[in-house]
């Protein structure tokens, strides 16, 4: 009986993870007339675009992170891009890399921007956010203001990992140091994973010195994709 229960729990967990890795949605700012384009990551260099989905002519996007093909990337090239420091591959980090406990064998690589790939060139960038208002800050956090919202990013890891911890990240201003609380609550599977960065509080700064900073953030697995709004900027 106990073994059957564990099998059911594992199966439910697998279904939840698979659902989070497979997304079908619509662009918020679809413009008719554009052709179908692949959705790619350049996590391992521009010579090896990694297809993770497609943007159809009608503005429907389909993403599947559960079975991404990396076979075309030479092993030595692939390993050159991997880092043994998970913290450095997160957009919002801890002051100390050791605050995020990981196995010594784990390696990671940030997914980077999601690109629209057409005729072997980068034709645009796809943004995954809860509101369009956060996009200027994502493009230039040094000068643009953040807003209370979420943005979503992809990360690659070489083995499963679970983290539940809180750490601090600091910024030095002219007359003071400000600290942000980052809470990490996620479970990653081997391969590509989609994470939500939820900005819950913002420290307001003197805009003549620097932009305001997220002061309380939770980084977690996505809980369904309905919260994500997709915008594209074409080149």
Protein backbone atom coordinates (compact mmCIF):
# COMPACT_ATOMS: atom_id res chain seq x y z
CA UNK A 1 0.00 0.00 0.00
CA UNK A 2 2.80 2.40 0.91
CA UNK A 3 4.64 1.71 -2.34
CA UNK A 4 1.46 2.36 -4.34
CA UNK A 5 0.98 5.68 -2.55
CA UNK A 6 4.56 6.73 -3.35
CA UNK A 7 4.06 5.81 -7.00
CA UNK A 8 0.91 7.96 -7.14
CA UNK A 9 2.67 10.92 -5.49
CA UNK A 10 5.58 10.61 -7.91
CA UNK A 11 3.23 10.39 -10.89
CA UNK A 12 1.28 13.48 -9.80
CA UNK A 13 4.53 15.37 -9.29
CA UNK A 14 5.70 14.33 -12.75
CA UNK A 15 2.45 15.54 -14.34
CA UNK A 16 2.70 18.92 -12.58
CA UNK A 17 6.30 19.34 -13.71
CA UNK A 18 5.51 18.28 -17.29
CA UNK A 19 2.62 20.75 -17.44
CA UNK A 20 4.89 23.56 -16.24
CA UNK A 21 7.42 22.67 -18.94
CA UNK A 22 4.88 22.69 -21.79
CA UNK A 23 3.15 25.98 -22.55
CA UNK A 24 0.64 27.07 -25.18
CA UNK A 25 -0.38 30.71 -25.12
CA UNK A 26 -1.00 33.82 -27.25
CA UNK A 27 1.09 36.93 -27.77
CA UNK A 28 -0.29 40.03 -26.10
CA UNK A 29 1.00 42.26 -28.90
CA UNK A 30 0.57 40.03 -31.95
CA UNK A 31 1.03 41.79 -35.29
CA UNK A 32 -0.50 40.08 -38.34
CA UNK A 33 1.70 39.54 -41.36
CA UNK A 34 4.74 37.99 -39.71
CA UNK A 35 5.73 34.43 -40.73
CA UNK A 36 5.99 31.47 -38.38
CA UNK A 37 9.25 31.58 -36.43
CA UNK A 38 11.16 29.20 -34.18
CA UNK A 39 11.68 30.11 -30.53
CA UNK A 40 15.30 29.56 -29.55
CA UNK A 41 17.86 30.01 -26.79
CA UNK A 42 21.51 30.84 -27.40
CA UNK A 43 22.59 29.47 -24.03
CA UNK A 44 25.56 27.70 -25.60
CA UNK A 45 26.53 30.25 -28.22
CA UNK A 46 25.12 31.68 -31.43
CA UNK A 47 26.45 28.77 -33.50
CA UNK A 48 24.12 26.38 -31.71
CA UNK A 49 20.60 27.84 -31.42
CA UNK A 50 18.44 25.60 -29.24
CA UNK A 51 14.86 25.27 -30.42
CA UNK A 52 12.35 25.27 -27.56
CA UNK A 53 9.17 26.05 -29.46
CA UNK A 54 7.47 27.95 -32.24
CA UNK A 55 5.57 31.21 -32.73
CA UNK A 56 2.81 30.63 -35.26
CA UNK A 57 1.47 33.14 -37.78
CA UNK A 58 -1.66 33.75 -35.72
CA UNK A 59 0.32 34.73 -32.60
CA UNK A 60 0.03 31.36 -30.87
CA UNK A 61 3.24 30.29 -29.17
CA UNK A 62 4.10 26.77 -28.13
CA UNK A 63 7.02 26.01 -25.83
CA UNK A 64 8.24 22.61 -24.66
CA UNK A 65 11.19 22.49 -22.27
CA UNK A 66 10.70 18.84 -21.38
CA UNK A 67 12.56 17.32 -24.34
CA UNK A 68 15.06 19.84 -25.72
CA UNK A 69 17.55 18.41 -28.22
CA UNK A 70 21.17 19.27 -27.37
CA UNK A 71 22.81 16.54 -29.46
CA UNK A 72 24.11 18.95 -32.10
CA UNK A 73 26.35 20.73 -29.55
CA UNK A 74 29.87 19.24 -29.31
CA UNK A 75 30.53 17.97 -25.80
CA UNK A 76 33.65 20.06 -25.19
CA UNK A 77 31.85 23.20 -26.39
CA UNK A 78 28.82 22.35 -24.23
CA UNK A 79 30.92 21.88 -21.09
CA UNK A 80 32.80 25.14 -21.71
CA UNK A 81 29.61 27.11 -21.11
CA UNK A 82 28.56 25.29 -17.94
CA UNK A 83 29.27 26.79 -14.52
CA UNK A 84 29.56 25.03 -11.17
CA UNK A 85 28.01 28.11 -9.54
CA UNK A 86 24.21 28.11 -9.60
CA UNK A 87 24.03 31.53 -7.92
CA UNK A 88 25.87 33.24 -10.78
CA UNK A 89 23.31 31.96 -13.26
CA UNK A 90 20.36 33.56 -11.50
CA UNK A 91 19.26 37.09 -12.38
CA UNK A 92 18.74 38.02 -8.71
CA UNK A 93 21.53 36.52 -6.65
CA UNK A 94 22.77 36.08 -3.10
CA UNK A 95 25.77 38.03 -1.84
CA UNK A 96 27.48 34.70 -1.18
CA UNK A 97 27.31 31.81 -3.62
CA UNK A 98 27.53 29.41 -0.69
CA UNK A 99 24.10 30.59 0.50
CA UNK A 100 22.59 28.33 -2.16
CA UNK A 101 23.45 24.79 -1.19
CA UNK A 102 24.08 22.56 -4.21
CA UNK A 103 25.92 19.34 -4.92
CA UNK A 104 29.52 19.66 -6.05
CA UNK A 105 28.64 17.85 -9.29
CA UNK A 106 25.86 20.21 -10.33
CA UNK A 107 26.51 22.59 -13.20
CA UNK A 108 24.23 25.29 -14.55
CA UNK A 109 23.79 27.73 -17.37
CA UNK A 110 21.40 30.65 -17.66
CA UNK A 111 18.91 30.25 -20.49
CA UNK A 112 19.15 33.88 -21.55
CA UNK A 113 16.69 35.73 -23.76
CA UNK A 114 14.18 33.79 -25.81
CA UNK A 115 14.77 34.66 -29.44
CA UNK A 116 12.61 34.60 -32.55
CA UNK A 117 14.70 32.73 -35.12
CA UNK A 118 13.96 33.23 -38.80
CA UNK A 119 16.17 32.33 -41.76
CA UNK A 120 19.12 31.67 -39.43
CA UNK A 121 19.03 35.05 -37.72
CA UNK A 122 17.69 36.62 -34.53
CA UNK A 123 14.49 38.40 -35.60
CA UNK A 124 13.13 39.48 -32.22
CA UNK A 125 13.04 38.88 -28.46
CA UNK A 126 10.23 37.24 -26.53
CA UNK A 127 9.46 38.49 -22.99
CA UNK A 128 7.65 36.45 -20.32
CA UNK A 129 6.24 38.82 -17.68
CA UNK A 130 3.14 39.42 -15.57
CA UNK A 131 2.87 43.01 -16.83
CA UNK A 132 4.38 44.94 -19.73
CA UNK A 133 5.48 47.66 -17.30
CA UNK A 134 8.42 45.57 -16.05
CA UNK A 135 10.02 45.25 -19.50
CA UNK A 136 11.98 48.56 -19.49
CA UNK A 137 13.64 47.54 -16.20
CA UNK A 138 14.54 44.12 -17.62
CA UNK A 139 16.25 45.87 -20.52
CA UNK A 140 18.11 48.43 -18.38
CA UNK A 141 17.93 47.95 -14.62
CA UNK A 142 20.56 50.63 -13.98
CA UNK A 143 18.36 53.48 -15.17
CA UNK A 144 14.78 52.18 -15.40
CA UNK A 145 12.42 51.66 -12.46
CA UNK A 146 11.17 48.21 -11.42
CA UNK A 147 7.50 47.60 -10.60
CA UNK A 148 5.74 45.10 -8.35
CA UNK A 149 5.33 42.21 -10.76
CA UNK A 150 6.85 38.95 -11.95
CA UNK A 151 9.20 38.04 -14.74
CA UNK A 152 10.08 34.56 -15.90
CA UNK A 153 13.41 33.11 -16.98
CA UNK A 154 14.86 29.78 -18.07
CA UNK A 155 17.81 28.03 -16.43
CA UNK A 156 19.59 24.79 -17.35
CA UNK A 157 20.96 22.36 -14.75
CA UNK A 158 22.76 19.06 -15.16
CA UNK A 159 21.01 17.25 -12.31
CA UNK A 160 17.90 17.61 -10.12
CA UNK A 161 18.06 20.22 -7.38
CA UNK A 162 15.78 21.51 -4.62
CA UNK A 163 16.39 24.76 -2.74
CA UNK A 164 14.40 26.38 0.06
CA UNK A 165 16.31 29.24 1.62
CA UNK A 166 16.49 33.01 2.05
CA UNK A 167 19.57 35.15 1.57
CA UNK A 168 20.50 38.81 1.18
CA UNK A 169 21.81 40.82 -1.73
CA UNK A 170 23.33 44.27 -1.20
CA UNK A 171 23.74 47.51 -3.13
CA UNK A 172 26.09 50.25 -2.03
CA UNK A 173 24.67 53.76 -2.43
CA UNK A 174 26.54 56.99 -1.80
CA UNK A 175 25.59 57.22 1.87
CA UNK A 176 24.25 53.78 2.76
CA UNK A 177 24.04 50.12 1.93
CA UNK A 178 20.65 48.65 1.11
CA UNK A 179 19.83 44.97 1.38
CA UNK A 180 17.30 42.83 -0.43
CA UNK A 181 15.78 39.58 0.85
CA UNK A 182 15.71 36.86 -1.78
CA UNK A 183 13.69 33.74 -1.02
CA UNK A 184 14.35 30.68 -3.17
CA UNK A 185 11.67 28.01 -3.24
CA UNK A 186 12.14 25.80 -6.25
CA UNK A 187 12.71 22.28 -7.43
CA UNK A 188 14.63 21.89 -10.68
CA UNK A 189 14.80 18.84 -12.92
CA UNK A 190 17.75 17.96 -15.13
CA UNK A 191 17.50 20.10 -18.25
CA UNK A 192 15.77 23.42 -18.86
CA UNK A 193 13.45 24.86 -16.20
CA UNK A 194 11.26 27.97 -16.09
CA UNK A 195 11.44 30.08 -12.91
CA UNK A 196 9.32 32.97 -11.68
CA UNK A 197 10.97 36.02 -10.08
CA UNK A 198 8.24 37.75 -8.07
CA UNK A 199 9.13 41.30 -7.00
CA UNK A 200 7.16 41.91 -3.79
CA UNK A 201 8.76 45.07 -2.40
CA UNK A 202 10.87 47.88 -3.88
CA UNK A 203 13.39 50.18 -2.18
CA UNK A 204 12.94 53.70 -3.59
CA UNK A 205 16.22 55.48 -4.29
CA UNK A 206 17.22 58.93 -5.42
CA UNK A 207 16.65 58.69 -9.19
CA UNK A 208 19.56 61.07 -9.78
CA UNK A 209 21.89 58.47 -8.28
CA UNK A 210 20.53 55.13 -9.42
CA UNK A 211 17.29 53.30 -10.13
CA UNK A 212 15.15 51.81 -7.35
CA UNK A 213 15.91 48.21 -6.37
CA UNK A 214 13.77 45.14 -5.66
CA UNK A 215 14.09 44.65 -1.90
CA UNK A 216 11.96 41.54 -1.44
CA UNK A 217 11.81 38.84 -4.10
CA UNK A 218 10.66 35.24 -4.25
CA UNK A 219 12.16 32.94 -6.88
CA UNK A 220 10.05 29.83 -7.41
CA UNK A 221 8.72 27.30 -9.87
CA UNK A 222 5.84 28.59 -11.93
CA UNK A 223 2.40 27.63 -10.65
CA UNK A 224 0.63 27.30 -13.98
CA UNK A 225 1.32 29.45 -17.03
CA UNK A 226 -1.89 31.53 -17.05
CA UNK A 227 -0.13 34.31 -15.11
CA UNK A 228 2.48 34.74 -17.84
CA UNK A 229 1.92 37.38 -20.49
CA UNK A 230 4.02 37.14 -23.62
CA UNK A 231 5.30 40.17 -25.52
CA UNK A 232 7.63 40.32 -28.48
CA UNK A 233 9.96 43.02 -29.75
CA UNK A 234 10.80 42.53 -33.42
CA UNK A 235 14.11 43.67 -34.89
